[in-house]
Amino acid sequence: MNFDVAIVGGGLVGASLALALAESGLKLALVDHSLPAPEAGEWDSRVYAISPGNAAFLESCGVWDGLDQARIAPVTKMRIRGDDGASRLAFSAYDAGLPELAFIVENRLLAQSAAAALARQENLTVFRPARGASLAWGAQEVRLGLDGGKSLSARLVVGADGTDSWVRSEAGIGVKGIDYGQLGVVANFQTGMPHGDTARQWFRRDGVLALLPLPGMRVSMVWSTWEAKARTLLSAPPFDLCERVAEASHGELGRLELITPTAAFPLRLLKVRELVRPRLALIGDAAHTVHPLAGQGLNLGLRDARKLTVAL
């Protein structure tokens, strides 16, 4: 039960770090409290916009090639509208000299592919489902106790366990947070008109509405809005929700049909006072949490994993 690196948190960021260290010669432990994601069926309403650089990183980790490529949508253009309706911004991959600006990928697909790659990794021991119970720092190692009585030691502990990080709390690292008082409401729709591989955003007085392209005539919505408005959207019957989203998006994609349940998550800003200490590093949402309007949350976390891989 002695390891070089113990990663606490088996989400996409923690998993990608473990996978990136597959050929490092290090002995790794991954501690995660959740079970692997179920097999993909219907479209997952939670999606990520993955940057080309991070797509290449996930490919090097053995995750990207394990995805169903028919369920990945490229973003080649972006259109943004301001509060007044007249202000506009437009970007294109062509103008930037790139094949695409980003890829829209379902959360569940990424989690499944990462889990399959982890199962093949020879220098990794996975403790799942398991939670940390205690952390004790020594001069040469960190002792990590797990619920159920197991204990392991590591030369480095990595906290990749999310916004409410247990590792960060056990280390006594302070945070400064801002609650936006908003929820990100997510759902997927069938569209009446082609999206043209275009990500669309409307900056409205009640928040930010984004419609992101999915394969075929489908889009994924993220509506970041005040809690009262979010609760109204969550409780709206499917037809009413479709009408509200179509109206807010000025009918650009024609008639909308809801194809997934709606869901929501709270929006917060989190700044951590320390990212590293002797024998400790924080990555992903354990290190920083940002508003989703630019789609950078997971991208920042994957970049953390990339940089830490180089350092190790």
C-alpha atoms as a PDB file:
ATOM      1  CA  MET A   1       0.000   0.000   0.000  1.00  0.00           C
ATOM      2  CA  ASN A   2       2.945   2.307  -0.696  1.00  0.00           C
ATOM      3  CA  PHE A   3       2.648   4.586  -3.750  1.00  0.00           C
ATOM      4  CA  ASP A   4       4.496   7.395  -5.436  1.00  0.00           C
ATOM      5  CA  VAL A   5       1.346   9.410  -6.205  1.00  0.00           C
ATOM      6  CA  ALA A   6      -2.125   9.099  -4.680  1.00  0.00           C
ATOM      7  CA  ILE A   7      -4.838  10.929  -6.638  1.00  0.00           C
ATOM      8  CA  VAL A   8      -8.019  11.654  -4.686  1.00  0.00           C
ATOM      9  CA  GLY A   9     -10.906  12.180  -7.086  1.00  0.00           C
ATOM     10  CA  GLY A  10     -11.655  10.018 -10.096  1.00  0.00           C
ATOM     11  CA  GLY A  11     -13.473  12.531 -12.273  1.00  0.00           C
ATOM     12  CA  LEU A  12     -12.159  13.497 -15.682  1.00  0.00           C
ATOM     13  CA  VAL A  13      -9.323  15.620 -14.305  1.00  0.00           C
ATOM     14  CA  GLY A  14      -8.047  13.068 -11.791  1.00  0.00           C
ATOM     15  CA  ALA A  15      -8.466  10.233 -14.276  1.00  0.00           C
ATOM     16  CA  SER A  16      -6.607  12.111 -17.014  1.00  0.00           C
ATOM     17  CA  LEU A  17      -3.678  12.735 -14.660  1.00  0.00           C
ATOM     18  CA  ALA A  18      -3.476   9.031 -13.811  1.00  0.00           C
ATOM     19  CA  LEU A  19      -3.661   8.074 -17.488  1.00  0.00           C
ATOM     20  CA  ALA A  20      -1.029  10.617 -18.489  1.00  0.00           C
ATOM     21  CA  LEU A  21       1.346   8.994 -15.969  1.00  0.00           C
ATOM     22  CA  ALA A  22       0.809   5.475 -17.345  1.00  0.00           C
ATOM     23  CA  GLU A  23       4.342   5.275 -18.776  1.00  0.00           C
ATOM     24  CA  SER A  24       6.038   7.297 -16.040  1.00  0.00           C
ATOM     25  CA  GLY A  25       7.300   4.371 -14.015  1.00  0.00           C
ATOM     26  CA  LEU A  26       5.505   5.752 -10.971  1.00  0.00           C
ATOM     27  CA  LYS A  27       3.282   3.613  -8.778  1.00  0.00           C
ATOM     28  CA  LEU A  28      -0.150   5.273  -8.673  1.00  0.00           C
ATOM     29  CA  ALA A  29      -3.280   5.077  -6.534  1.00  0.00           C
ATOM     30  CA  LEU A  30      -6.644   6.571  -7.509  1.00  0.00           C
ATOM     31  CA  VAL A  31      -9.259   7.036  -4.775  1.00  0.00           C
ATOM     32  CA  ASP A  32     -12.800   7.811  -5.907  1.00  0.00           C
ATOM     33  CA  HIS A  33     -16.102   7.719  -4.048  1.00  0.00           C
ATOM     34  CA  SER A  34     -18.313   7.196  -7.098  1.00  0.00           C
ATOM     35  CA  LEU A  35     -19.016   4.187  -9.274  1.00  0.00           C
ATOM     36  CA  PRO A  36     -18.190   4.266 -13.022  1.00  0.00           C
ATOM     37  CA  ALA A  37     -20.704   6.048 -15.238  1.00  0.00           C
ATOM     38  CA  PRO A  38     -23.485   3.893 -16.732  1.00  0.00           C
ATOM     39  CA  GLU A  39     -23.391   2.964 -20.390  1.00  0.00           C
ATOM     40  CA  ALA A  40     -24.412   5.729 -22.761  1.00  0.00           C
ATOM     41  CA  GLY A  41     -27.937   5.529 -24.082  1.00  0.00           C
ATOM     42  CA  GLU A  42     -29.893   8.717 -24.513  1.00  0.00           C
ATOM     43  CA  TRP A  43     -28.036  11.988 -24.965  1.00  0.00           C
ATOM     44  CA  ASP A  44     -26.399  13.323 -21.803  1.00  0.00           C
ATOM     45  CA  SER A  45     -27.650  16.832 -21.006  1.00  0.00           C
ATOM     46  CA  ARG A  46     -24.297  17.779 -19.468  1.00  0.00           C
ATOM     47  CA  VAL A  47     -21.667  18.423 -22.125  1.00  0.00           C
ATOM     48  CA  TYR A  48     -18.235  20.000 -22.309  1.00  0.00           C
ATOM     49  CA  ALA A  49     -16.576  22.187 -24.923  1.00  0.00           C
ATOM     50  CA  ILE A  50     -13.133  20.608 -25.201  1.00  0.00           C
ATOM     51  CA  SER A  51     -10.349  22.739 -26.671  1.00  0.00           C
ATOM     52  CA  PRO A  52      -8.227  21.256 -29.493  1.00  0.00           C
ATOM     53  CA  GLY A  53      -5.190  21.193 -27.201  1.00  0.00           C
ATOM     54  CA  ASN A  54      -7.035  19.237 -24.544  1.00  0.00           C
ATOM     55  CA  ALA A  55      -8.522  16.909 -27.169  1.00  0.00           C
ATOM     56  CA  ALA A  56      -4.936  16.084 -28.178  1.00  0.00           C
ATOM     57  CA  PHE A  57      -4.066  15.534 -24.502  1.00  0.00           C
ATOM     58  CA  LEU A  58      -7.019  13.170 -24.053  1.00  0.00           C
ATOM     59  CA  GLU A  59      -5.953  11.359 -27.206  1.00  0.00           C
ATOM     60  CA  SER A  60      -2.476  10.844 -25.750  1.00  0.00           C
ATOM     61  CA  CYS A  61      -4.143   9.467 -22.597  1.00  0.00           C
ATOM     62  CA  GLY A  62      -6.128   6.895 -24.572  1.00  0.00           C
ATOM     63  CA  VAL A  63      -9.480   8.572 -23.884  1.00  0.00           C
ATOM     64  CA  TRP A  64     -10.316  10.330 -27.150  1.00  0.00           C
ATOM     65  CA  ASP A  65     -10.016   7.279 -29.377  1.00  0.00           C
ATOM     66  CA  GLY A  66     -12.363   5.405 -27.049  1.00  0.00           C
ATOM     67  CA  LEU A  67     -15.185   7.857 -27.687  1.00  0.00           C
ATOM     68  CA  ASP A  68     -18.005   7.244 -30.137  1.00  0.00           C
ATOM     69  CA  GLN A  69     -16.906   9.749 -32.762  1.00  0.00           C
ATOM     70  CA  ALA A  70     -20.463   9.948 -34.116  1.00  0.00           C
ATOM     71  CA  ARG A  71     -21.489  11.634 -30.844  1.00  0.00           C
ATOM     72  CA  ILE A  72     -18.864  14.387 -31.005  1.00  0.00           C
ATOM     73  CA  ALA A  73     -19.700  17.717 -32.649  1.00  0.00           C
ATOM     74  CA  PRO A  74     -17.040  20.181 -33.818  1.00  0.00           C
ATOM     75  CA  VAL A  75     -17.487  23.899 -33.216  1.00  0.00           C
ATOM     76  CA  THR A  76     -16.272  25.815 -36.261  1.00  0.00           C
ATOM     77  CA  LYS A  77     -18.022  29.127 -35.579  1.00  0.00           C
ATOM     78  CA  MET A  78     -19.245  31.143 -32.596  1.00  0.00           C
ATOM     79  CA  ARG A  79     -21.901  33.861 -32.552  1.00  0.00           C
ATOM     80  CA  ILE A  80     -22.481  36.118 -29.526  1.00  0.00           C
ATOM     81  CA  ARG A  81     -25.300  38.643 -28.990  1.00  0.00           C
ATOM     82  CA  GLY A  82     -25.303  41.455 -26.414  1.00  0.00           C
ATOM     83  CA  ASP A  83     -28.022  42.709 -24.070  1.00  0.00           C
ATOM     84  CA  ASP A  84     -29.297  45.298 -26.514  1.00  0.00           C
ATOM     85  CA  GLY A  85     -29.695  42.850 -29.398  1.00  0.00           C
ATOM     86  CA  ALA A  86     -27.509  44.965 -31.666  1.00  0.00           C
ATOM     87  CA  SER A  87     -24.072  44.170 -30.207  1.00  0.00           C
ATOM     88  CA  ARG A  88     -22.510  41.154 -31.893  1.00  0.00           C
ATOM     89  CA  LEU A  89     -19.280  39.180 -31.932  1.00  0.00           C
ATOM     90  CA  ALA A  90     -18.366  36.416 -34.359  1.00  0.00           C
ATOM     91  CA  PHE A  91     -15.455  33.975 -34.469  1.00  0.00           C
ATOM     92  CA  SER A  92     -14.587  31.240 -36.913  1.00  0.00           C
ATOM     93  CA  ALA A  93     -12.034  28.458 -37.003  1.00  0.00           C
ATOM     94  CA  TYR A  94     -11.255  29.422 -40.604  1.00  0.00           C
ATOM     95  CA  ASP A  95     -10.276  32.968 -39.587  1.00  0.00           C
ATOM     96  CA  ALA A  96      -8.062  31.548 -36.819  1.00  0.00           C
ATOM     97  CA  GLY A  97      -6.394  29.095 -39.184  1.00  0.00           C
ATOM     98  CA  LEU A  98      -7.760  26.099 -37.270  1.00  0.00           C
ATOM     99  CA  PRO A  99      -9.865  23.076 -38.257  1.00  0.00           C
ATOM    100  CA  GLU A 100     -12.198  23.749 -35.310  1.00  0.00           C
ATOM    101  CA  LEU A 101     -12.511  25.980 -32.246  1.00  0.00           C
ATOM    102  CA  ALA A 102     -13.651  23.202 -29.899  1.00  0.00           C
ATOM    103  CA  PHE A 103     -15.440  19.868 -29.668  1.00  0.00           C
ATOM    104  CA  ILE A 104     -18.731  19.336 -27.834  1.00  0.00           C
ATOM    105  CA  VAL A 105     -18.628  16.012 -25.978  1.00  0.00           C
ATOM    106  CA  GLU A 106     -21.025  14.434 -23.499  1.00  0.00           C
ATOM    107  CA  ASN A 107     -19.820  14.109 -19.913  1.00  0.00           C
ATOM    108  CA  ARG A 108     -20.915  10.477 -19.673  1.00  0.00           C
ATOM    109  CA  LEU A 109     -19.008   9.437 -22.804  1.00  0.00           C
ATOM    110  CA  LEU A 110     -15.791  10.962 -21.497  1.00  0.00           C
ATOM    111  CA  ALA A 111     -16.249   9.299 -18.108  1.00  0.00           C
ATOM    112  CA  GLN A 112     -16.874   5.883 -19.684  1.00  0.00           C
ATOM    113  CA  SER A 113     -13.861   6.068 -21.969  1.00  0.00           C
ATOM    114  CA  ALA A 114     -11.607   7.231 -19.125  1.00  0.00           C
ATOM    115  CA  ALA A 115     -12.827   4.375 -16.899  1.00  0.00           C
ATOM    116  CA  ALA A 116     -12.096   1.824 -19.623  1.00  0.00           C
ATOM    117  CA  ALA A 117      -8.578   3.197 -20.101  1.00  0.00           C
ATOM    118  CA  LEU A 118      -7.939   3.194 -16.335  1.00  0.00           C
ATOM    119  CA  ALA A 119      -8.969  -0.475 -16.142  1.00  0.00           C
ATOM    120  CA  ARG A 120      -6.147  -1.349 -18.573  1.00  0.00           C
ATOM    121  CA  GLN A 121      -3.445   0.616 -16.742  1.00  0.00           C
ATOM    122  CA  GLU A 122      -0.774  -1.547 -15.141  1.00  0.00           C
ATOM    123  CA  ASN A 123       0.894   0.942 -12.758  1.00  0.00           C
ATOM    124  CA  LEU A 124      -2.417   1.992 -11.170  1.00  0.00           C
ATOM    125  CA  THR A 125      -4.454   0.695  -8.232  1.00  0.00           C
ATOM    126  CA  VAL A 126      -8.019   2.017  -8.109  1.00  0.00           C
ATOM    127  CA  PHE A 127      -9.891   2.261  -4.789  1.00  0.00           C
ATOM    128  CA  ARG A 128     -13.559   2.654  -5.737  1.00  0.00           C
ATOM    129  CA  PRO A 129     -15.950   3.329  -4.160  1.00  0.00           C
ATOM    130  CA  ALA A 130     -13.829   4.752  -1.354  1.00  0.00           C
ATOM    131  CA  ARG A 131     -13.557   8.013   0.543  1.00  0.00           C
ATOM    132  CA  GLY A 132     -10.677   9.596   2.365  1.00  0.00           C
ATOM    133  CA  ALA A 133     -10.949   9.489   6.153  1.00  0.00           C
ATOM    134  CA  SER A 134      -7.651  11.013   7.294  1.00  0.00           C
ATOM    135  CA  LEU A 135      -4.516  12.696   5.981  1.00  0.00           C
ATOM    136  CA  ALA A 136      -1.222  12.999   7.862  1.00  0.00           C
ATOM    137  CA  TRP A 137       1.872  14.637   6.420  1.00  0.00           C
ATOM    138  CA  GLY A 138       5.341  13.352   7.232  1.00  0.00           C
ATOM    139  CA  ALA A 139       8.803  14.373   6.105  1.00  0.00           C
ATOM    140  CA  GLN A 140       8.994  11.623   3.469  1.00  0.00           C
ATOM    141  CA  GLU A 141       5.394  10.595   2.829  1.00  0.00           C
ATOM    142  CA  VAL A 142       1.714  11.306   3.320  1.00  0.00           C
ATOM    143  CA  ARG A 143      -0.476   8.788   5.123  1.00  0.00           C
ATOM    144  CA  LEU A 144      -3.949   8.552   3.613  1.00  0.00           C
ATOM    145  CA  GLY A 145      -6.582   6.674   5.565  1.00  0.00           C
ATOM    146  CA  LEU A 146      -9.707   5.453   3.788  1.00  0.00           C
ATOM    147  CA  ASP A 147     -13.148   4.777   5.140  1.00  0.00           C
ATOM    148  CA  GLY A 148     -13.422   1.101   5.976  1.00  0.00           C
ATOM    149  CA  GLY A 149     -10.000   1.035   7.644  1.00  0.00           C
ATOM    150  CA  LYS A 150      -7.589   0.780   4.707  1.00  0.00           C
ATOM    151  CA  SER A 151      -4.501   2.958   4.760  1.00  0.00           C
ATOM    152  CA  LEU A 152      -1.920   3.846   2.147  1.00  0.00           C
ATOM    153  CA  SER A 153       1.124   6.077   1.868  1.00  0.00           C
ATOM    154  CA  ALA A 154       2.343   8.253  -0.988  1.00  0.00           C
ATOM    155  CA  ARG A 155       5.153  10.648  -1.729  1.00  0.00           C
ATOM    156  CA  LEU A 156       2.599  13.043  -3.248  1.00  0.00           C
ATOM    157  CA  VAL A 157      -1.140  13.454  -2.750  1.00  0.00           C
ATOM    158  CA  VAL A 158      -3.130  15.182  -5.504  1.00  0.00           C
ATOM    159  CA  GLY A 159      -6.508  16.663  -4.665  1.00  0.00           C
ATOM    160  CA  ALA A 160      -8.728  16.329  -7.743  1.00  0.00           C
ATOM    161  CA  ASP A 161     -11.915  15.974  -5.717  1.00  0.00           C
ATOM    162  CA  GLY A 162     -13.938  18.939  -6.884  1.00  0.00           C
ATOM    163  CA  THR A 163     -15.202  22.258  -5.614  1.00  0.00           C
ATOM    164  CA  ASP A 164     -15.901  20.982  -2.093  1.00  0.00           C
ATOM    165  CA  SER A 165     -12.511  19.270  -1.932  1.00  0.00           C
ATOM    166  CA  TRP A 166     -11.953  17.031   1.100  1.00  0.00           C
ATOM    167  CA  VAL A 167      -8.188  17.069   0.485  1.00  0.00           C
ATOM    168  CA  ARG A 168      -8.100  20.867   0.485  1.00  0.00           C
ATOM    169  CA  SER A 169     -10.145  20.991   3.676  1.00  0.00           C
ATOM    170  CA  GLU A 170      -7.935  18.418   5.434  1.00  0.00           C
ATOM    171  CA  ALA A 171      -4.869  20.438   4.451  1.00  0.00           C
ATOM    172  CA  GLY A 172      -6.423  23.572   5.938  1.00  0.00           C
ATOM    173  CA  ILE A 173      -6.042  25.546   2.730  1.00  0.00           C
ATOM    174  CA  GLY A 174      -8.271  28.602   2.708  1.00  0.00           C
ATOM    175  CA  VAL A 175     -10.563  29.554  -0.139  1.00  0.00           C
ATOM    176  CA  LYS A 176     -12.322  32.720  -1.216  1.00  0.00           C
ATOM    177  CA  GLY A 177     -15.640  32.052  -2.867  1.00  0.00           C
ATOM    178  CA  ILE A 178     -18.410  34.019  -4.511  1.00  0.00           C
ATOM    179  CA  ASP A 179     -21.855  32.511  -4.935  1.00  0.00           C
ATOM    180  CA  TYR A 180     -23.317  33.995  -8.098  1.00  0.00           C
ATOM    181  CA  GLY A 181     -26.864  33.255  -6.942  1.00  0.00           C
ATOM    182  CA  GLN A 182     -27.379  31.514 -10.267  1.00  0.00           C
ATOM    183  CA  LEU A 183     -27.950  28.018 -11.573  1.00  0.00           C
ATOM    184  CA  GLY A 184     -26.777  26.574 -14.862  1.00  0.00           C
ATOM    185  CA  VAL A 185     -29.852  24.941 -16.393  1.00  0.00           C
ATOM    186  CA  VAL A 186     -28.992  22.266 -18.966  1.00  0.00           C
ATOM    187  CA  ALA A 187     -31.025  20.272 -21.492  1.00  0.00           C
ATOM    188  CA  ASN A 188     -30.776  19.016 -25.071  1.00  0.00           C
ATOM    189  CA  PHE A 189     -33.098  19.804 -27.975  1.00  0.00           C
ATOM    190  CA  GLN A 190     -33.895  18.614 -31.466  1.00  0.00           C
ATOM    191  CA  THR A 191     -33.866  21.644 -33.760  1.00  0.00           C
ATOM    192  CA  GLY A 192     -35.961  22.604 -36.735  1.00  0.00           C
ATOM    193  CA  MET A 193     -33.022  24.220 -38.539  1.00  0.00           C
ATOM    194  CA  PRO A 194     -29.343  23.197 -38.921  1.00  0.00           C
ATOM    195  CA  HIS A 195     -26.954  24.685 -36.380  1.00  0.00           C
ATOM    196  CA  GLY A 196     -24.068  24.857 -38.846  1.00  0.00           C
ATOM    197  CA  ASP A 197     -21.514  23.668 -36.245  1.00  0.00           C
ATOM    198  CA  THR A 198     -22.018  27.038 -34.568  1.00  0.00           C
ATOM    199  CA  ALA A 199     -22.006  27.755 -30.829  1.00  0.00           C
ATOM    200  CA  ARG A 200     -24.436  30.541 -30.000  1.00  0.00           C
ATOM    201  CA  GLN A 201     -24.627  32.786 -26.911  1.00  0.00           C
ATOM    202  CA  TRP A 202     -27.047  35.499 -25.872  1.00  0.00           C
ATOM    203  CA  PHE A 203     -26.107  37.838 -23.031  1.00  0.00           C
ATOM    204  CA  ARG A 204     -29.505  38.689 -21.581  1.00  0.00           C
ATOM    205  CA  ARG A 205     -30.661  40.696 -18.602  1.00  0.00           C
ATOM    206  CA  ASP A 206     -31.703  37.436 -16.928  1.00  0.00           C
ATOM    207  CA  GLY A 207     -28.414  35.638 -17.589  1.00  0.00           C
ATOM    208  CA  VAL A 208     -26.484  33.989 -20.402  1.00  0.00           C
ATOM    209  CA  LEU A 209     -28.089  31.509 -22.780  1.00  0.00           C
ATOM    210  CA  ALA A 210     -25.836  29.200 -24.795  1.00  0.00           C
ATOM    211  CA  LEU A 211     -26.857  26.680 -27.448  1.00  0.00           C
ATOM    212  CA  LEU A 212     -24.014  24.344 -28.352  1.00  0.00           C
ATOM    213  CA  PRO A 213     -23.992  22.083 -31.427  1.00  0.00           C
ATOM    214  CA  LEU A 214     -24.473  18.333 -31.091  1.00  0.00           C
ATOM    215  CA  PRO A 215     -24.322  15.844 -33.978  1.00  0.00           C
ATOM    216  CA  GLY A 216     -27.199  16.115 -36.414  1.00  0.00           C
ATOM    217  CA  MET A 217     -30.094  18.481 -35.778  1.00  0.00           C
ATOM    218  CA  ARG A 218     -29.473  18.725 -32.042  1.00  0.00           C
ATOM    219  CA  VAL A 219     -28.156  21.308 -29.597  1.00  0.00           C
ATOM    220  CA  SER A 220     -27.258  21.353 -25.920  1.00  0.00           C
ATOM    221  CA  MET A 221     -28.437  24.288 -23.794  1.00  0.00           C
ATOM    222  CA  VAL A 222     -26.724  25.926 -20.856  1.00  0.00           C
ATOM    223  CA  TRP A 223     -28.830  28.778 -19.468  1.00  0.00           C
ATOM    224  CA  SER A 224     -26.977  30.492 -16.626  1.00  0.00           C
ATOM    225  CA  THR A 225     -29.619  32.487 -14.817  1.00  0.00           C
ATOM    226  CA  TRP A 226     -30.848  33.691 -11.429  1.00  0.00           C
ATOM    227  CA  GLU A 227     -32.188  30.986  -9.151  1.00  0.00           C
ATOM    228  CA  ALA A 228     -35.820  32.095  -9.356  1.00  0.00           C
ATOM    229  CA  LYS A 229     -35.718  32.068 -13.168  1.00  0.00           C
ATOM    230  CA  ALA A 230     -33.865  28.734 -13.131  1.00  0.00           C
ATOM    231  CA  ARG A 231     -36.538  27.138 -10.934  1.00  0.00           C
ATOM    232  CA  THR A 232     -39.176  28.349 -13.373  1.00  0.00           C
ATOM    233  CA  LEU A 233     -37.321  26.741 -16.278  1.00  0.00           C
ATOM    234  CA  LEU A 234     -36.827  23.494 -14.371  1.00  0.00           C
ATOM    235  CA  SER A 235     -40.518  23.208 -13.536  1.00  0.00           C
ATOM    236  CA  ALA A 236     -41.815  24.208 -16.974  1.00  0.00           C
ATOM    237  CA  PRO A 237     -43.608  21.542 -19.060  1.00  0.00           C
ATOM    238  CA  PRO A 238     -41.539  20.473 -22.107  1.00  0.00           C
ATOM    239  CA  PHE A 239     -43.603  22.455 -24.608  1.00  0.00           C
ATOM    240  CA  ASP A 240     -43.404  25.640 -22.524  1.00  0.00           C
ATOM    241  CA  LEU A 241     -39.637  25.243 -22.032  1.00  0.00           C
ATOM    242  CA  CYS A 242     -39.140  24.820 -25.767  1.00  0.00           C
ATOM    243  CA  GLU A 243     -41.168  27.941 -26.435  1.00  0.00           C
ATOM    244  CA  ARG A 244     -39.161  29.966 -23.894  1.00  0.00           C
ATOM    245  CA  VAL A 245     -35.807  28.820 -25.269  1.00  0.00           C
ATOM    246  CA  ALA A 246     -36.913  29.434 -28.867  1.00  0.00           C
ATOM    247  CA  GLU A 247     -38.067  32.930 -27.944  1.00  0.00           C
ATOM    248  CA  ALA A 248     -34.877  33.730 -26.017  1.00  0.00           C
ATOM    249  CA  SER A 249     -32.782  32.525 -28.979  1.00  0.00           C
ATOM    250  CA  HIS A 250     -34.868  34.603 -31.434  1.00  0.00           C
ATOM    251  CA  GLY A 251     -35.978  31.494 -33.294  1.00  0.00           C
ATOM    252  CA  GLU A 252     -32.554  31.062 -34.923  1.00  0.00           C
ATOM    253  CA  LEU A 253     -32.810  27.276 -34.853  1.00  0.00           C
ATOM    254  CA  GLY A 254     -36.510  27.003 -35.626  1.00  0.00           C
ATOM    255  CA  ARG A 255     -38.876  24.792 -33.683  1.00  0.00           C
ATOM    256  CA  LEU A 256     -37.290  23.067 -30.671  1.00  0.00           C
ATOM    257  CA  GLU A 257     -38.173  19.688 -29.201  1.00  0.00           C
ATOM    258  CA  LEU A 258     -36.881  18.641 -25.777  1.00  0.00           C
ATOM    259  CA  ILE A 259     -35.007  15.306 -25.959  1.00  0.00           C
ATOM    260  CA  THR A 260     -33.538  15.074 -22.417  1.00  0.00           C
ATOM    261  CA  PRO A 261     -34.735  15.961 -18.928  1.00  0.00           C
ATOM    262  CA  THR A 262     -33.644  19.350 -17.614  1.00  0.00           C
ATOM    263  CA  ALA A 263     -31.072  19.566 -14.826  1.00  0.00           C
ATOM    264  CA  ALA A 264     -29.216  22.343 -13.027  1.00  0.00           C
ATOM    265  CA  PHE A 265     -26.055  23.004 -11.032  1.00  0.00           C
ATOM    266  CA  PRO A 266     -25.063  25.970  -8.818  1.00  0.00           C
ATOM    267  CA  LEU A 267     -22.620  28.542 -10.156  1.00  0.00           C
ATOM    268  CA  ARG A 268     -19.754  29.711  -7.962  1.00  0.00           C
ATOM    269  CA  LEU A 269     -16.373  31.378  -8.233  1.00  0.00           C
ATOM    270  CA  LEU A 270     -13.676  29.796  -6.087  1.00  0.00           C
ATOM    271  CA  LYS A 271     -10.135  31.065  -5.537  1.00  0.00           C
ATOM    272  CA  VAL A 272      -7.729  28.914  -3.521  1.00  0.00           C
ATOM    273  CA  ARG A 273      -5.013  30.543  -1.428  1.00  0.00           C
ATOM    274  CA  GLU A 274      -2.455  27.820  -2.184  1.00  0.00           C
ATOM    275  CA  LEU A 275      -2.309  25.359  -5.073  1.00  0.00           C
ATOM    276  CA  VAL A 276       0.738  23.419  -3.889  1.00  0.00           C
ATOM    277  CA  ARG A 277       2.442  22.528  -0.638  1.00  0.00           C
ATOM    278  CA  PRO A 278       5.172  20.004   0.131  1.00  0.00           C
ATOM    279  CA  ARG A 279       3.760  16.617  -0.974  1.00  0.00           C
ATOM    280  CA  LEU A 280       0.419  18.160  -1.988  1.00  0.00           C
ATOM    281  CA  ALA A 281      -1.049  19.574  -5.207  1.00  0.00           C
ATOM    282  CA  LEU A 282      -4.588  20.695  -6.047  1.00  0.00           C
ATOM    283  CA  ILE A 283      -5.953  20.468  -9.595  1.00  0.00           C
ATOM    284  CA  GLY A 284      -9.266  20.992 -11.357  1.00  0.00           C
ATOM    285  CA  ASP A 285     -12.229  22.364  -9.432  1.00  0.00           C
ATOM    286  CA  ALA A 286     -10.401  21.669  -6.166  1.00  0.00           C
ATOM    287  CA  ALA A 287      -7.975  24.403  -7.249  1.00  0.00           C
ATOM    288  CA  HIS A 288     -10.297  26.833  -9.061  1.00  0.00           C
ATOM    289  CA  THR A 289     -13.962  27.044  -9.995  1.00  0.00           C
ATOM    290  CA  VAL A 290     -15.173  29.520 -12.624  1.00  0.00           C
ATOM    291  CA  HIS A 291     -18.405  30.581 -14.296  1.00  0.00           C
ATOM    292  CA  PRO A 292     -19.266  28.316 -17.265  1.00  0.00           C
ATOM    293  CA  LEU A 293     -19.963  31.092 -19.773  1.00  0.00           C
ATOM    294  CA  ALA A 294     -16.650  30.520 -21.608  1.00  0.00           C
ATOM    295  CA  GLY A 295     -16.659  26.746 -21.165  1.00  0.00           C
ATOM    296  CA  GLN A 296     -13.240  26.782 -19.494  1.00  0.00           C
ATOM    297  CA  GLY A 297     -13.849  24.825 -16.260  1.00  0.00           C
ATOM    298  CA  LEU A 298     -12.855  21.353 -17.447  1.00  0.00           C
ATOM    299  CA  ASN A 299     -10.305  22.777 -19.879  1.00  0.00           C
ATOM    300  CA  LEU A 300      -8.473  24.478 -17.007  1.00  0.00           C
ATOM    301  CA  GLY A 301      -8.529  21.235 -15.030  1.00  0.00           C
ATOM    302  CA  LEU A 302      -7.148  19.198 -17.919  1.00  0.00           C
ATOM    303  CA  ARG A 303      -4.418  21.781 -18.355  1.00  0.00           C
ATOM    304  CA  ASP A 304      -3.564  21.368 -14.659  1.00  0.00           C
ATOM    305  CA  ALA A 305      -3.174  17.635 -15.276  1.00  0.00           C
ATOM    306  CA  ARG A 306      -0.978  18.278 -18.310  1.00  0.00           C
ATOM    307  CA  LYS A 307       1.326  20.629 -16.405  1.00  0.00           C
ATOM    308  CA  LEU A 308       1.584  18.359 -13.366  1.00  0.00           C
ATOM    309  CA  THR A 309       2.395  15.398 -15.614  1.00  0.00           C
ATOM    310  CA  VAL A 310       5.364  17.316 -17.009  1.00  0.00           C
ATOM    311  CA  ALA A 311       6.501  18.281 -13.505  1.00  0.00           C
ATOM    312  CA  LEU A 312       6.449  14.659 -12.367  1.00  0.00           C
END
